[in-house]
Amino acid sequence: MAERFYLYDDTENTKTRFVSFMGENTRFDLAITYSDRYYGKLLVLDIQGGNFAIIGQDDLEEEGYLEHVFRLDKEAAEELTDFLAEIV
């Protein structure tokens, strides 16, 4: 077996917030991890859908980004954007 080549192998203390809320038609179950790793952005995991993304203010402003990453319709993506805008 060849020797493993690591690009990085770091351990970091993080803070994770678990939050669940109901939008008009969609339930959101999220794990939001705060870390210094991603230049102030949050690691947002959609527990039910199995999707995740590194989210910052610039990502919230990019049209269609949350719809694509989290596989949401426009209305659900707007609800998620509203929530994330409060914490980013």
PDB file of N, CA and C in Angstrom:
ATOM      1  N   MET A   1       0.853  -1.185   0.000  1.00  0.00           N
ATOM      2  CA  MET A   1       0.000   0.000   0.000  1.00  0.00           C
ATOM      3  C   MET A   1       0.894   1.242   0.000  1.00  0.00           C
ATOM      4  N   ALA A   2       0.544   2.196  -0.803  1.00  0.00           N
ATOM      5  CA  ALA A   2       1.310   3.438  -0.900  1.00  0.00           C
ATOM      6  C   ALA A   2       1.097   4.297   0.353  1.00  0.00           C
ATOM      7  N   GLU A   3       2.088   5.105   0.643  1.00  0.00           N
ATOM      8  CA  GLU A   3       1.981   6.001   1.787  1.00  0.00           C
ATOM      9  C   GLU A   3       0.920   7.064   1.516  1.00  0.00           C
ATOM     10  N   ARG A   4       0.094   7.325   2.497  1.00  0.00           N
ATOM     11  CA  ARG A   4      -0.987   8.312   2.349  1.00  0.00           C
ATOM     12  C   ARG A   4      -0.402   9.719   2.323  1.00  0.00           C
ATOM     13  N   PHE A   5      -0.852  10.527   1.389  1.00  0.00           N
ATOM     14  CA  PHE A   5      -0.409  11.913   1.264  1.00  0.00           C
ATOM     15  C   PHE A   5      -1.523  12.818   1.758  1.00  0.00           C
ATOM     16  N   TYR A   6      -1.315  13.467   2.902  1.00  0.00           N
ATOM     17  CA  TYR A   6      -2.320  14.357   3.491  1.00  0.00           C
ATOM     18  C   TYR A   6      -2.140  15.776   2.960  1.00  0.00           C
ATOM     19  N   LEU A   7      -3.235  16.390   2.581  1.00  0.00           N
ATOM     20  CA  LEU A   7      -3.215  17.814   2.260  1.00  0.00           C
ATOM     21  C   LEU A   7      -3.253  18.622   3.549  1.00  0.00           C
ATOM     22  N   TYR A   8      -4.036  18.160   4.499  1.00  0.00           N
ATOM     23  CA  TYR A   8      -4.017  18.690   5.859  1.00  0.00           C
ATOM     24  C   TYR A   8      -4.697  17.694   6.771  1.00  0.00           C
ATOM     25  N   ASP A   9      -4.382  17.779   8.033  1.00  0.00           N
ATOM     26  CA  ASP A   9      -4.960  16.914   9.058  1.00  0.00           C
ATOM     27  C   ASP A   9      -4.932  17.706  10.355  1.00  0.00           C
ATOM     28  N   ASP A  10      -5.965  18.551  10.541  1.00  0.00           N
ATOM     29  CA  ASP A  10      -6.026  19.456  11.684  1.00  0.00           C
ATOM     30  C   ASP A  10      -7.190  19.084  12.595  1.00  0.00           C
ATOM     31  N   THR A  11      -7.048  19.437  13.842  1.00  0.00           N
ATOM     32  CA  THR A  11      -8.141  19.311  14.801  1.00  0.00           C
ATOM     33  C   THR A  11      -8.434  20.703  15.333  1.00  0.00           C
ATOM     34  N   GLU A  12      -9.714  21.032  15.397  1.00  0.00           N
ATOM     35  CA  GLU A  12     -10.124  22.369  15.826  1.00  0.00           C
ATOM     36  C   GLU A  12     -11.345  22.259  16.733  1.00  0.00           C
ATOM     37  N   ASN A  13     -11.387  23.063  17.770  1.00  0.00           N
ATOM     38  CA  ASN A  13     -12.585  23.157  18.592  1.00  0.00           C
ATOM     39  C   ASN A  13     -13.598  24.018  17.857  1.00  0.00           C
ATOM     40  N   THR A  14     -14.805  23.508  17.735  1.00  0.00           N
ATOM     41  CA  THR A  14     -15.864  24.233  17.038  1.00  0.00           C
ATOM     42  C   THR A  14     -17.082  24.345  17.947  1.00  0.00           C
ATOM     43  N   LYS A  15     -18.020  25.167  17.513  1.00  0.00           N
ATOM     44  CA  LYS A  15     -19.298  25.307  18.208  1.00  0.00           C
ATOM     45  C   LYS A  15     -20.383  24.935  17.199  1.00  0.00           C
ATOM     46  N   THR A  16     -21.265  24.037  17.584  1.00  0.00           N
ATOM     47  CA  THR A  16     -22.340  23.617  16.686  1.00  0.00           C
ATOM     48  C   THR A  16     -23.688  23.936  17.314  1.00  0.00           C
ATOM     49  N   ARG A  17     -24.546  24.551  16.512  1.00  0.00           N
ATOM     50  CA  ARG A  17     -25.907  24.873  16.938  1.00  0.00           C
ATOM     51  C   ARG A  17     -26.861  23.977  16.167  1.00  0.00           C
ATOM     52  N   PHE A  18     -27.734  23.294  16.868  1.00  0.00           N
ATOM     53  CA  PHE A  18     -28.762  22.478  16.238  1.00  0.00           C
ATOM     54  C   PHE A  18     -30.071  23.244  16.331  1.00  0.00           C
ATOM     55  N   VAL A  19     -30.710  23.431  15.194  1.00  0.00           N
ATOM     56  CA  VAL A  19     -31.953  24.208  15.177  1.00  0.00           C
ATOM     57  C   VAL A  19     -32.945  23.547  14.222  1.00  0.00           C
ATOM     58  N   SER A  20     -34.201  23.552  14.640  1.00  0.00           N
ATOM     59  CA  SER A  20     -35.282  23.032  13.820  1.00  0.00           C
ATOM     60  C   SER A  20     -36.392  24.071  13.825  1.00  0.00           C
ATOM     61  N   PHE A  21     -36.888  24.382  12.636  1.00  0.00           N
ATOM     62  CA  PHE A  21     -38.017  25.311  12.560  1.00  0.00           C
ATOM     63  C   PHE A  21     -38.877  24.951  11.368  1.00  0.00           C
ATOM     64  N   MET A  22     -40.106  25.400  11.421  1.00  0.00           N
ATOM     65  CA  MET A  22     -41.071  25.121  10.362  1.00  0.00           C
ATOM     66  C   MET A  22     -41.334  26.381   9.578  1.00  0.00           C
ATOM     67  N   GLY A  23     -41.133  26.298   8.273  1.00  0.00           N
ATOM     68  CA  GLY A  23     -41.499  27.388   7.378  1.00  0.00           C
ATOM     69  C   GLY A  23     -42.955  27.223   6.989  1.00  0.00           C
ATOM     70  N   GLU A  24     -43.380  27.914   5.953  1.00  0.00           N
ATOM     71  CA  GLU A  24     -44.767  27.791   5.501  1.00  0.00           C
ATOM     72  C   GLU A  24     -45.090  26.361   5.079  1.00  0.00           C
ATOM     73  N   ASN A  25     -44.186  25.733   4.332  1.00  0.00           N
ATOM     74  CA  ASN A  25     -44.436  24.383   3.812  1.00  0.00           C
ATOM     75  C   ASN A  25     -43.284  23.417   4.037  1.00  0.00           C
ATOM     76  N   THR A  26     -42.201  23.891   4.628  1.00  0.00           N
ATOM     77  CA  THR A  26     -40.999  23.078   4.747  1.00  0.00           C
ATOM     78  C   THR A  26     -40.475  23.096   6.178  1.00  0.00           C
ATOM     79  N   ARG A  27     -40.083  21.927   6.652  1.00  0.00           N
ATOM     80  CA  ARG A  27     -39.427  21.826   7.957  1.00  0.00           C
ATOM     81  C   ARG A  27     -37.923  21.834   7.719  1.00  0.00           C
ATOM     82  N   PHE A  28     -37.214  22.606   8.530  1.00  0.00           N
ATOM     83  CA  PHE A  28     -35.763  22.685   8.445  1.00  0.00           C
ATOM     84  C   PHE A  28     -35.159  22.117   9.722  1.00  0.00           C
ATOM     85  N   ASP A  29     -34.284  21.144   9.576  1.00  0.00           N
ATOM     86  CA  ASP A  29     -33.514  20.575  10.681  1.00  0.00           C
ATOM     87  C   ASP A  29     -32.053  20.780  10.318  1.00  0.00           C
ATOM     88  N   LEU A  30     -31.412  21.707  11.010  1.00  0.00           N
ATOM     89  CA  LEU A  30     -30.072  22.131  10.635  1.00  0.00           C
ATOM     90  C   LEU A  30     -29.071  21.928  11.757  1.00  0.00           C
ATOM     91  N   ALA A  31     -27.838  21.662  11.368  1.00  0.00           N
ATOM     92  CA  ALA A  31     -26.689  21.724  12.271  1.00  0.00           C
ATOM     93  C   ALA A  31     -25.794  22.808  11.694  1.00  0.00           C
ATOM     94  N   ILE A  32     -25.519  23.829  12.478  1.00  0.00           N
ATOM     95  CA  ILE A  32     -24.734  24.975  12.011  1.00  0.00           C
ATOM     96  C   ILE A  32     -23.445  25.004  12.822  1.00  0.00           C
ATOM     97  N   THR A  33     -22.335  24.825  12.138  1.00  0.00           N
ATOM     98  CA  THR A  33     -21.041  24.749  12.803  1.00  0.00           C
ATOM     99  C   THR A  33     -20.257  26.032  12.574  1.00  0.00           C
ATOM    100  N   TYR A  34     -19.827  26.622  13.674  1.00  0.00           N
ATOM    101  CA  TYR A  34     -19.006  27.825  13.656  1.00  0.00           C
ATOM    102  C   TYR A  34     -17.552  27.394  13.779  1.00  0.00           C
ATOM    103  N   SER A  35     -16.708  27.863  12.868  1.00  0.00           N
ATOM    104  CA  SER A  35     -15.312  27.448  12.833  1.00  0.00           C
ATOM    105  C   SER A  35     -14.465  28.573  12.253  1.00  0.00           C
ATOM    106  N   ASP A  36     -13.188  28.577  12.583  1.00  0.00           N
ATOM    107  CA  ASP A  36     -12.269  29.533  11.966  1.00  0.00           C
ATOM    108  C   ASP A  36     -11.768  29.020  10.622  1.00  0.00           C
ATOM    109  N   ARG A  37     -12.069  27.803  10.289  1.00  0.00           N
ATOM    110  CA  ARG A  37     -11.559  27.148   9.085  1.00  0.00           C
ATOM    111  C   ARG A  37     -12.008  27.843   7.792  1.00  0.00           C
ATOM    112  N   TYR A  38     -13.224  28.338   7.750  1.00  0.00           N
ATOM    113  CA  TYR A  38     -13.806  28.824   6.497  1.00  0.00           C
ATOM    114  C   TYR A  38     -13.951  30.336   6.432  1.00  0.00           C
ATOM    115  N   TYR A  39     -12.987  31.048   6.999  1.00  0.00           N
ATOM    116  CA  TYR A  39     -12.908  32.504   6.870  1.00  0.00           C
ATOM    117  C   TYR A  39     -14.190  33.210   7.303  1.00  0.00           C
ATOM    118  N   GLY A  40     -14.761  32.779   8.420  1.00  0.00           N
ATOM    119  CA  GLY A  40     -15.948  33.426   8.968  1.00  0.00           C
ATOM    120  C   GLY A  40     -17.261  32.898   8.433  1.00  0.00           C
ATOM    121  N   LYS A  41     -17.212  31.971   7.493  1.00  0.00           N
ATOM    122  CA  LYS A  41     -18.444  31.378   6.982  1.00  0.00           C
ATOM    123  C   LYS A  41     -18.876  30.233   7.888  1.00  0.00           C
ATOM    124  N   LEU A  42     -20.140  29.854   7.768  1.00  0.00           N
ATOM    125  CA  LEU A  42     -20.709  28.782   8.574  1.00  0.00           C
ATOM    126  C   LEU A  42     -20.811  27.503   7.758  1.00  0.00           C
ATOM    127  N   LEU A  43     -20.629  26.377   8.407  1.00  0.00           N
ATOM    128  CA  LEU A  43     -20.882  25.088   7.780  1.00  0.00           C
ATOM    129  C   LEU A  43     -22.311  24.717   8.152  1.00  0.00           C
ATOM    130  N   VAL A  44     -23.200  24.698   7.167  1.00  0.00           N
ATOM    131  CA  VAL A  44     -24.628  24.465   7.404  1.00  0.00           C
ATOM    132  C   VAL A  44     -24.986  23.093   6.844  1.00  0.00           C
ATOM    133  N   LEU A  45     -25.461  22.219   7.725  1.00  0.00           N
ATOM    134  CA  LEU A  45     -25.850  20.873   7.332  1.00  0.00           C
ATOM    135  C   LEU A  45     -27.358  20.724   7.447  1.00  0.00           C
ATOM    136  N   ASP A  46     -27.980  20.289   6.374  1.00  0.00           N
ATOM    137  CA  ASP A  46     -29.407  19.971   6.361  1.00  0.00           C
ATOM    138  C   ASP A  46     -29.522  18.502   6.758  1.00  0.00           C
ATOM    139  N   ILE A  47     -29.890  18.247   7.992  1.00  0.00           N
ATOM    140  CA  ILE A  47     -29.882  16.893   8.532  1.00  0.00           C
ATOM    141  C   ILE A  47     -30.875  15.994   7.801  1.00  0.00           C
ATOM    142  N   GLN A  48     -32.068  16.472   7.536  1.00  0.00           N
ATOM    143  CA  GLN A  48     -33.086  15.660   6.878  1.00  0.00           C
ATOM    144  C   GLN A  48     -32.746  15.385   5.414  1.00  0.00           C
ATOM    145  N   GLY A  49     -32.243  16.393   4.722  1.00  0.00           N
ATOM    146  CA  GLY A  49     -31.972  16.256   3.292  1.00  0.00           C
ATOM    147  C   GLY A  49     -30.599  15.699   2.968  1.00  0.00           C
ATOM    148  N   GLY A  50     -29.694  15.711   3.952  1.00  0.00           N
ATOM    149  CA  GLY A  50     -28.363  15.185   3.713  1.00  0.00           C
ATOM    150  C   GLY A  50     -27.481  16.091   2.868  1.00  0.00           C
ATOM    151  N   ASN A  51     -27.793  17.375   2.816  1.00  0.00           N
ATOM    152  CA  ASN A  51     -27.003  18.333   2.050  1.00  0.00           C
ATOM    153  C   ASN A  51     -26.271  19.265   3.005  1.00  0.00           C
ATOM    154  N   PHE A  52     -25.179  19.846   2.521  1.00  0.00           N
ATOM    155  CA  PHE A  52     -24.461  20.808   3.339  1.00  0.00           C
ATOM    156  C   PHE A  52     -23.772  21.817   2.440  1.00  0.00           C
ATOM    157  N   ALA A  53     -23.446  22.975   3.038  1.00  0.00           N
ATOM    158  CA  ALA A  53     -22.748  24.025   2.304  1.00  0.00           C
ATOM    159  C   ALA A  53     -22.023  24.922   3.298  1.00  0.00           C
ATOM    160  N   ILE A  54     -20.998  25.567   2.802  1.00  0.00           N
ATOM    161  CA  ILE A  54     -20.285  26.588   3.558  1.00  0.00           C
ATOM    162  C   ILE A  54     -20.922  27.911   3.157  1.00  0.00           C
ATOM    163  N   ILE A  55     -21.547  28.586   4.120  1.00  0.00           N
ATOM    164  CA  ILE A  55     -22.397  29.742   3.819  1.00  0.00           C
ATOM    165  C   ILE A  55     -21.870  31.003   4.491  1.00  0.00           C
ATOM    166  N   GLY A  56     -21.766  32.062   3.706  1.00  0.00           N
ATOM    167  CA  GLY A  56     -21.452  33.393   4.187  1.00  0.00           C
ATOM    168  C   GLY A  56     -22.446  34.373   3.588  1.00  0.00           C
ATOM    169  N   GLN A  57     -22.313  35.619   3.937  1.00  0.00           N
ATOM    170  CA  GLN A  57     -23.227  36.651   3.430  1.00  0.00           C
ATOM    171  C   GLN A  57     -23.251  36.679   1.907  1.00  0.00           C
ATOM    172  N   ASP A  58     -22.086  36.531   1.280  1.00  0.00           N
ATOM    173  CA  ASP A  58     -22.024  36.562  -0.180  1.00  0.00           C
ATOM    174  C   ASP A  58     -22.819  35.416  -0.803  1.00  0.00           C
ATOM    175  N   ASP A  59     -22.847  34.271  -0.151  1.00  0.00           N
ATOM    176  CA  ASP A  59     -23.608  33.135  -0.664  1.00  0.00           C
ATOM    177  C   ASP A  59     -25.111  33.376  -0.549  1.00  0.00           C
ATOM    178  N   LEU A  60     -25.527  34.043   0.514  1.00  0.00           N
ATOM    179  CA  LEU A  60     -26.951  34.355   0.679  1.00  0.00           C
ATOM    180  C   LEU A  60     -27.438  35.319  -0.391  1.00  0.00           C
ATOM    181  N   GLU A  61     -26.545  36.158  -0.879  1.00  0.00           N
ATOM    182  CA  GLU A  61     -26.912  37.149  -1.890  1.00  0.00           C
ATOM    183  C   GLU A  61     -26.864  36.593  -3.312  1.00  0.00           C
ATOM    184  N   GLU A  62     -26.282  35.415  -3.482  1.00  0.00           N
ATOM    185  CA  GLU A  62     -26.180  34.819  -4.815  1.00  0.00           C
ATOM    186  C   GLU A  62     -27.503  34.143  -5.175  1.00  0.00           C
ATOM    187  N   GLU A  63     -28.142  34.651  -6.192  1.00  0.00           N
ATOM    188  CA  GLU A  63     -29.460  34.173  -6.591  1.00  0.00           C
ATOM    189  C   GLU A  63     -29.416  32.698  -6.988  1.00  0.00           C
ATOM    190  N   GLY A  64     -30.320  31.920  -6.401  1.00  0.00           N
ATOM    191  CA  GLY A  64     -30.448  30.512  -6.740  1.00  0.00           C
ATOM    192  C   GLY A  64     -29.474  29.583  -6.044  1.00  0.00           C
ATOM    193  N   TYR A  65     -28.557  30.121  -5.241  1.00  0.00           N
ATOM    194  CA  TYR A  65     -27.534  29.277  -4.611  1.00  0.00           C
ATOM    195  C   TYR A  65     -28.131  28.295  -3.611  1.00  0.00           C
ATOM    196  N   LEU A  66     -28.949  28.787  -2.689  1.00  0.00           N
ATOM    197  CA  LEU A  66     -29.522  27.891  -1.681  1.00  0.00           C
ATOM    198  C   LEU A  66     -30.498  26.895  -2.308  1.00  0.00           C
ATOM    199  N   GLU A  67     -31.230  27.325  -3.337  1.00  0.00           N
ATOM    200  CA  GLU A  67     -32.124  26.390  -4.032  1.00  0.00           C
ATOM    201  C   GLU A  67     -31.319  25.213  -4.575  1.00  0.00           C
ATOM    202  N   HIS A  68     -30.182  25.544  -5.184  1.00  0.00           N
ATOM    203  CA  HIS A  68     -29.351  24.513  -5.797  1.00  0.00           C
ATOM    204  C   HIS A  68     -28.709  23.604  -4.748  1.00  0.00           C
ATOM    205  N   VAL A  69     -28.049  24.186  -3.774  1.00  0.00           N
ATOM    206  CA  VAL A  69     -27.287  23.404  -2.794  1.00  0.00           C
ATOM    207  C   VAL A  69     -28.184  22.529  -1.928  1.00  0.00           C
ATOM    208  N   PHE A  70     -29.280  23.097  -1.453  1.00  0.00           N
ATOM    209  CA  PHE A  70     -30.149  22.360  -0.543  1.00  0.00           C
ATOM    210  C   PHE A  70     -31.355  21.735  -1.243  1.00  0.00           C
ATOM    211  N   ARG A  71     -31.420  21.871  -2.570  1.00  0.00           N
ATOM    212  CA  ARG A  71     -32.496  21.278  -3.382  1.00  0.00           C
ATOM    213  C   ARG A  71     -33.867  21.728  -2.881  1.00  0.00           C
ATOM    214  N   LEU A  72     -34.045  23.038  -2.835  1.00  0.00           N
ATOM    215  CA  LEU A  72     -35.280  23.635  -2.331  1.00  0.00           C
ATOM    216  C   LEU A  72     -36.009  24.374  -3.439  1.00  0.00           C
ATOM    217  N   ASP A  73     -37.312  24.535  -3.255  1.00  0.00           N
ATOM    218  CA  ASP A  73     -38.022  25.426  -4.166  1.00  0.00           C
ATOM    219  C   ASP A  73     -37.748  26.868  -3.733  1.00  0.00           C
ATOM    220  N   LYS A  74     -38.159  27.801  -4.549  1.00  0.00           N
ATOM    221  CA  LYS A  74     -37.831  29.208  -4.308  1.00  0.00           C
ATOM    222  C   LYS A  74     -38.361  29.703  -2.963  1.00  0.00           C
ATOM    223  N   GLU A  75     -39.587  29.335  -2.629  1.00  0.00           N
ATOM    224  CA  GLU A  75     -40.199  29.802  -1.376  1.00  0.00           C
ATOM    225  C   GLU A  75     -39.435  29.273  -0.162  1.00  0.00           C
ATOM    226  N   ALA A  76     -39.106  27.997  -0.159  1.00  0.00           N
ATOM    227  CA  ALA A  76     -38.362  27.408   0.959  1.00  0.00           C
ATOM    228  C   ALA A  76     -36.961  28.017   1.061  1.00  0.00           C
ATOM    229  N   ALA A  77     -36.333  28.262  -0.081  1.00  0.00           N
ATOM    230  CA  ALA A  77     -34.999  28.876  -0.080  1.00  0.00           C
ATOM    231  C   ALA A  77     -35.050  30.285   0.498  1.00  0.00           C
ATOM    232  N   GLU A  78     -36.110  31.030   0.234  1.00  0.00           N
ATOM    233  CA  GLU A  78     -36.260  32.372   0.799  1.00  0.00           C
ATOM    234  C   GLU A  78     -36.405  32.299   2.321  1.00  0.00           C
ATOM    235  N   GLU A  79     -37.140  31.311   2.815  1.00  0.00           N
ATOM    236  CA  GLU A  79     -37.292  31.144   4.264  1.00  0.00           C
ATOM    237  C   GLU A  79     -35.958  30.795   4.916  1.00  0.00           C
ATOM    238  N   LEU A  80     -35.202  29.917   4.265  1.00  0.00           N
ATOM    239  CA  LEU A  80     -33.894  29.555   4.792  1.00  0.00           C
ATOM    240  C   LEU A  80     -32.943  30.747   4.740  1.00  0.00           C
ATOM    241  N   THR A  81     -32.998  31.505   3.670  1.00  0.00           N
ATOM    242  CA  THR A  81     -32.168  32.708   3.536  1.00  0.00           C
ATOM    243  C   THR A  81     -32.485  33.695   4.648  1.00  0.00           C
ATOM    244  N   ASP A  82     -33.764  33.915   4.923  1.00  0.00           N
ATOM    245  CA  ASP A  82     -34.165  34.836   5.988  1.00  0.00           C
ATOM    246  C   ASP A  82     -33.594  34.401   7.337  1.00  0.00           C
ATOM    247  N   PHE A  83     -33.671  33.098   7.616  1.00  0.00           N
ATOM    248  CA  PHE A  83     -33.124  32.598   8.878  1.00  0.00           C
ATOM    249  C   PHE A  83     -31.616  32.765   8.928  1.00  0.00           C
ATOM    250  N   LEU A  84     -30.921  32.333   7.899  1.00  0.00           N
ATOM    251  CA  LEU A  84     -29.454  32.395   7.903  1.00  0.00           C
ATOM    252  C   LEU A  84     -28.941  33.833   7.924  1.00  0.00           C
ATOM    253  N   ALA A  85     -29.673  34.748   7.319  1.00  0.00           N
ATOM    254  CA  ALA A  85     -29.265  36.160   7.331  1.00  0.00           C
ATOM    255  C   ALA A  85     -29.223  36.718   8.756  1.00  0.00           C
ATOM    256  N   GLU A  86     -30.009  36.149   9.655  1.00  0.00           N
ATOM    257  CA  GLU A  86     -30.007  36.594  11.052  1.00  0.00           C
ATOM    258  C   GLU A  86     -28.768  36.147  11.807  1.00  0.00           C
ATOM    259  N   ILE A  87     -28.101  35.093  11.338  1.00  0.00           N
ATOM    260  CA  ILE A  87     -26.979  34.546  12.106  1.00  0.00           C
ATOM    261  C   ILE A  87     -25.628  34.666  11.410  1.00  0.00           C
ATOM    262  N   VAL A  88     -25.615  34.983  10.137  1.00  0.00           N
ATOM    263  CA  VAL A  88     -24.341  35.112   9.406  1.00  0.00           C
ATOM    264  C   VAL A  88     -23.697  36.427   9.755  1.00  0.00           C
TER     265      VAL A  88
END
